[in-house]
Amino acid sequence: MTNKKPVGKRARTRYKYSRGIRDKTTINDIIKPMKIGDIVGIKVNSSFHKGMPFRRTHGLTGKVVAFQGNTPMIEIYDMNKKKQVLVHRAHLKQIVNKPKSEHTIKIKKKKQVDHKWIANILKMFLFVK
């Protein structure tokens, strides 16, 4: 006879917060080293209740701007608003960006391989030596 939908902190998170059956929270997850300026993704660890962010921030990417004690303060964009969220390290995943130079080298190598492949195909069909 309950006609009201739940509105608690973890309401509507059945699949969002679910984890694999063998996923464990290790001590390394809890004491990850971080510094100001790191880019992190917010991925809620449902087995660790301390410092859990609101469900709307799950999956967002932000930047560490400060620390309040040992807890990092993450700056995220919620719609077009800039917000700062306190999230425990267990719910954060560091995102490592490759330098631009490595990326451009990789693209150039791929283009060279593509050109060689096209030249080989043309040689096969046109019998060019």
C-alpha atoms as a PDB file:
ATOM      1  CA  MET A   1       0.000   0.000   0.000  1.00  0.00           C
ATOM      2  CA  THR A   2       2.956   2.318  -0.387  1.00  0.00           C
ATOM      3  CA  ASN A   3       2.212   4.855  -3.072  1.00  0.00           C
ATOM      4  CA  LYS A   4       5.291   7.023  -2.628  1.00  0.00           C
ATOM      5  CA  LYS A   5       8.539   6.375  -4.432  1.00  0.00           C
ATOM      6  CA  PRO A   6      11.744   6.277  -2.389  1.00  0.00           C
ATOM      7  CA  VAL A   7      13.746   9.488  -2.253  1.00  0.00           C
ATOM      8  CA  GLY A   8      16.728   8.451  -0.115  1.00  0.00           C
ATOM      9  CA  LYS A   9      20.423   8.892  -0.897  1.00  0.00           C
ATOM     10  CA  ARG A  10      20.688   5.510  -2.627  1.00  0.00           C
ATOM     11  CA  ALA A  11      17.279   5.466  -4.301  1.00  0.00           C
ATOM     12  CA  ARG A  12      17.324   4.523  -8.032  1.00  0.00           C
ATOM     13  CA  THR A  13      20.891   3.187  -7.837  1.00  0.00           C
ATOM     14  CA  ARG A  14      20.229  -0.554  -8.155  1.00  0.00           C
ATOM     15  CA  TYR A  15      22.331  -1.002 -11.295  1.00  0.00           C
ATOM     16  CA  LYS A  16      24.449   2.133 -11.031  1.00  0.00           C
ATOM     17  CA  TYR A  17      26.166   1.060  -7.807  1.00  0.00           C
ATOM     18  CA  SER A  18      26.289  -2.684  -8.517  1.00  0.00           C
ATOM     19  CA  ARG A  19      29.673  -4.425  -8.514  1.00  0.00           C
ATOM     20  CA  GLY A  20      31.067  -7.756  -9.594  1.00  0.00           C
ATOM     21  CA  ILE A  21      30.717 -10.666  -7.198  1.00  0.00           C
ATOM     22  CA  ARG A  22      34.489 -10.928  -6.685  1.00  0.00           C
ATOM     23  CA  ASP A  23      35.303  -7.205  -6.555  1.00  0.00           C
ATOM     24  CA  LYS A  24      36.978  -6.345  -3.286  1.00  0.00           C
ATOM     25  CA  THR A  25      37.944  -3.038  -1.732  1.00  0.00           C
ATOM     26  CA  THR A  26      41.635  -3.213  -0.892  1.00  0.00           C
ATOM     27  CA  ILE A  27      43.733  -0.942   1.276  1.00  0.00           C
ATOM     28  CA  ASN A  28      45.360   0.393  -1.910  1.00  0.00           C
ATOM     29  CA  ASP A  29      41.960   1.689  -3.054  1.00  0.00           C
ATOM     30  CA  ILE A  30      41.545   3.584   0.194  1.00  0.00           C
ATOM     31  CA  ILE A  31      45.004   5.231   0.392  1.00  0.00           C
ATOM     32  CA  LYS A  32      45.634   6.119  -3.273  1.00  0.00           C
ATOM     33  CA  PRO A  33      48.209   8.898  -3.647  1.00  0.00           C
ATOM     34  CA  MET A  34      46.764  12.063  -5.202  1.00  0.00           C
ATOM     35  CA  LYS A  35      47.907  15.603  -5.690  1.00  0.00           C
ATOM     36  CA  ILE A  36      46.317  18.882  -6.684  1.00  0.00           C
ATOM     37  CA  GLY A  37      45.721  19.086 -10.419  1.00  0.00           C
ATOM     38  CA  ASP A  38      45.104  15.353 -10.985  1.00  0.00           C
ATOM     39  CA  ILE A  39      42.206  14.454 -13.262  1.00  0.00           C
ATOM     40  CA  VAL A  40      39.920  11.858 -11.683  1.00  0.00           C
ATOM     41  CA  GLY A  41      36.725  10.026 -12.526  1.00  0.00           C
ATOM     42  CA  ILE A  42      34.047   9.519  -9.908  1.00  0.00           C
ATOM     43  CA  LYS A  43      33.059   5.857  -9.718  1.00  0.00           C
ATOM     44  CA  VAL A  44      31.125   4.992  -6.566  1.00  0.00           C
ATOM     45  CA  ASN A  45      32.372   1.984  -4.618  1.00  0.00           C
ATOM     46  CA  SER A  46      29.125   0.744  -3.070  1.00  0.00           C
ATOM     47  CA  SER A  47      30.856  -1.328  -0.386  1.00  0.00           C
ATOM     48  CA  PHE A  48      32.599   1.738   1.060  1.00  0.00           C
ATOM     49  CA  HIS A  49      30.027   4.095   2.580  1.00  0.00           C
ATOM     50  CA  LYS A  50      32.361   6.786   3.891  1.00  0.00           C
ATOM     51  CA  GLY A  51      32.583   9.883   1.684  1.00  0.00           C
ATOM     52  CA  MET A  52      30.145   8.526  -0.914  1.00  0.00           C
ATOM     53  CA  PRO A  53      29.127  11.208  -3.440  1.00  0.00           C
ATOM     54  CA  PHE A  54      25.573  11.860  -4.596  1.00  0.00           C
ATOM     55  CA  ARG A  55      24.284   9.561  -7.331  1.00  0.00           C
ATOM     56  CA  ARG A  56      24.209  12.343  -9.942  1.00  0.00           C
ATOM     57  CA  THR A  57      27.996  12.722  -9.807  1.00  0.00           C
ATOM     58  CA  HIS A  58      28.651   9.015 -10.538  1.00  0.00           C
ATOM     59  CA  GLY A  59      30.528   8.779 -13.850  1.00  0.00           C
ATOM     60  CA  LEU A  60      31.607  12.427 -14.021  1.00  0.00           C
ATOM     61  CA  THR A  61      35.183  13.564 -14.501  1.00  0.00           C
ATOM     62  CA  GLY A  62      36.742  16.306 -12.428  1.00  0.00           C
ATOM     63  CA  LYS A  63      39.952  17.852 -11.194  1.00  0.00           C
ATOM     64  CA  VAL A  64      41.454  17.783  -7.698  1.00  0.00           C
ATOM     65  CA  VAL A  65      41.561  21.420  -6.560  1.00  0.00           C
ATOM     66  CA  ALA A  66      42.168  21.147  -2.806  1.00  0.00           C
ATOM     67  CA  PHE A  67      42.231  18.847   0.191  1.00  0.00           C
ATOM     68  CA  GLN A  68      40.063  19.042   3.281  1.00  0.00           C
ATOM     69  CA  GLY A  69      42.047  16.955   5.701  1.00  0.00           C
ATOM     70  CA  ASN A  70      42.953  13.881   3.647  1.00  0.00           C
ATOM     71  CA  THR A  71      39.833  14.046   1.490  1.00  0.00           C
ATOM     72  CA  PRO A  72      40.266  15.494  -1.999  1.00  0.00           C
ATOM     73  CA  MET A  73      37.923  18.233  -3.166  1.00  0.00           C
ATOM     74  CA  ILE A  74      36.925  17.595  -6.781  1.00  0.00           C
ATOM     75  CA  GLU A  75      35.776  20.341  -9.129  1.00  0.00           C
ATOM     76  CA  ILE A  76      33.116  19.071 -11.549  1.00  0.00           C
ATOM     77  CA  TYR A  77      30.608  20.570 -13.939  1.00  0.00           C
ATOM     78  CA  ASP A  78      26.991  19.766 -13.081  1.00  0.00           C
ATOM     79  CA  MET A  79      25.135  20.829 -16.217  1.00  0.00           C
ATOM     80  CA  ASN A  80      26.886  24.186 -16.830  1.00  0.00           C
ATOM     81  CA  LYS A  81      27.550  24.950 -13.174  1.00  0.00           C
ATOM     82  CA  LYS A  82      30.965  24.499 -11.636  1.00  0.00           C
ATOM     83  CA  LYS A  83      30.701  22.629  -8.330  1.00  0.00           C
ATOM     84  CA  GLN A  84      33.123  21.332  -5.732  1.00  0.00           C
ATOM     85  CA  VAL A  85      32.461  17.920  -4.229  1.00  0.00           C
ATOM     86  CA  LEU A  86      34.202  16.159  -1.335  1.00  0.00           C
ATOM     87  CA  VAL A  87      34.694  12.527  -2.319  1.00  0.00           C
ATOM     88  CA  HIS A  88      36.656   9.812  -0.536  1.00  0.00           C
ATOM     89  CA  ARG A  89      39.575   8.321  -2.477  1.00  0.00           C
ATOM     90  CA  ALA A  90      37.866   4.911  -2.631  1.00  0.00           C
ATOM     91  CA  HIS A  91      35.305   6.416  -5.027  1.00  0.00           C
ATOM     92  CA  LEU A  92      37.876   8.038  -7.344  1.00  0.00           C
ATOM     93  CA  LYS A  93      39.769   6.625 -10.296  1.00  0.00           C
ATOM     94  CA  GLN A  94      42.771   8.512 -11.658  1.00  0.00           C
ATOM     95  CA  ILE A  95      42.696   9.271 -15.365  1.00  0.00           C
ATOM     96  CA  VAL A  96      46.080   9.363 -17.051  1.00  0.00           C
ATOM     97  CA  ASN A  97      46.354  11.484 -20.179  1.00  0.00           C
ATOM     98  CA  LYS A  98      48.993  10.623 -22.741  1.00  0.00           C
ATOM     99  CA  PRO A  99      51.157  13.506 -23.881  1.00  0.00           C
ATOM    100  CA  LYS A 100      50.147  14.944 -27.229  1.00  0.00           C
ATOM    101  CA  SER A 101      53.454  14.016 -28.833  1.00  0.00           C
ATOM    102  CA  GLU A 102      52.881  10.275 -28.238  1.00  0.00           C
ATOM    103  CA  HIS A 103      49.429  10.545 -29.738  1.00  0.00           C
ATOM    104  CA  THR A 104      50.658  12.307 -32.878  1.00  0.00           C
ATOM    105  CA  ILE A 105      53.469   9.751 -33.327  1.00  0.00           C
ATOM    106  CA  LYS A 106      50.936   6.936 -33.093  1.00  0.00           C
ATOM    107  CA  ILE A 107      48.706   8.565 -35.738  1.00  0.00           C
ATOM    108  CA  LYS A 108      51.666   9.103 -38.107  1.00  0.00           C
ATOM    109  CA  LYS A 109      52.712   5.458 -37.789  1.00  0.00           C
ATOM    110  CA  LYS A 110      49.168   4.357 -38.541  1.00  0.00           C
ATOM    111  CA  LYS A 111      49.055   6.540 -41.668  1.00  0.00           C
ATOM    112  CA  GLN A 112      52.369   5.086 -42.868  1.00  0.00           C
ATOM    113  CA  VAL A 113      51.067   1.559 -42.389  1.00  0.00           C
ATOM    114  CA  ASP A 114      47.880   2.459 -44.286  1.00  0.00           C
ATOM    115  CA  HIS A 115      49.908   3.882 -47.198  1.00  0.00           C
ATOM    116  CA  LYS A 116      52.083   0.752 -47.376  1.00  0.00           C
ATOM    117  CA  TRP A 117      49.003  -1.459 -47.326  1.00  0.00           C
ATOM    118  CA  ILE A 118      47.377   0.512 -50.183  1.00  0.00           C
ATOM    119  CA  ALA A 119      50.595   0.380 -52.216  1.00  0.00           C
ATOM    120  CA  ASN A 120      50.783  -3.408 -51.795  1.00  0.00           C
ATOM    121  CA  ILE A 121      47.170  -3.814 -52.920  1.00  0.00           C
ATOM    122  CA  LEU A 122      47.810  -1.671 -56.001  1.00  0.00           C
ATOM    123  CA  LYS A 123      50.908  -3.726 -56.863  1.00  0.00           C
ATOM    124  CA  MET A 124      48.922  -6.940 -56.633  1.00  0.00           C
ATOM    125  CA  PHE A 125      46.100  -5.766 -58.891  1.00  0.00           C
ATOM    126  CA  LEU A 126      48.050  -3.633 -61.344  1.00  0.00           C
ATOM    127  CA  PHE A 127      51.157  -5.864 -61.484  1.00  0.00           C
ATOM    128  CA  VAL A 128      53.379  -2.836 -61.031  1.00  0.00           C
ATOM    129  CA  LYS A 129      56.992  -3.476 -60.130  1.00  0.00           C
END
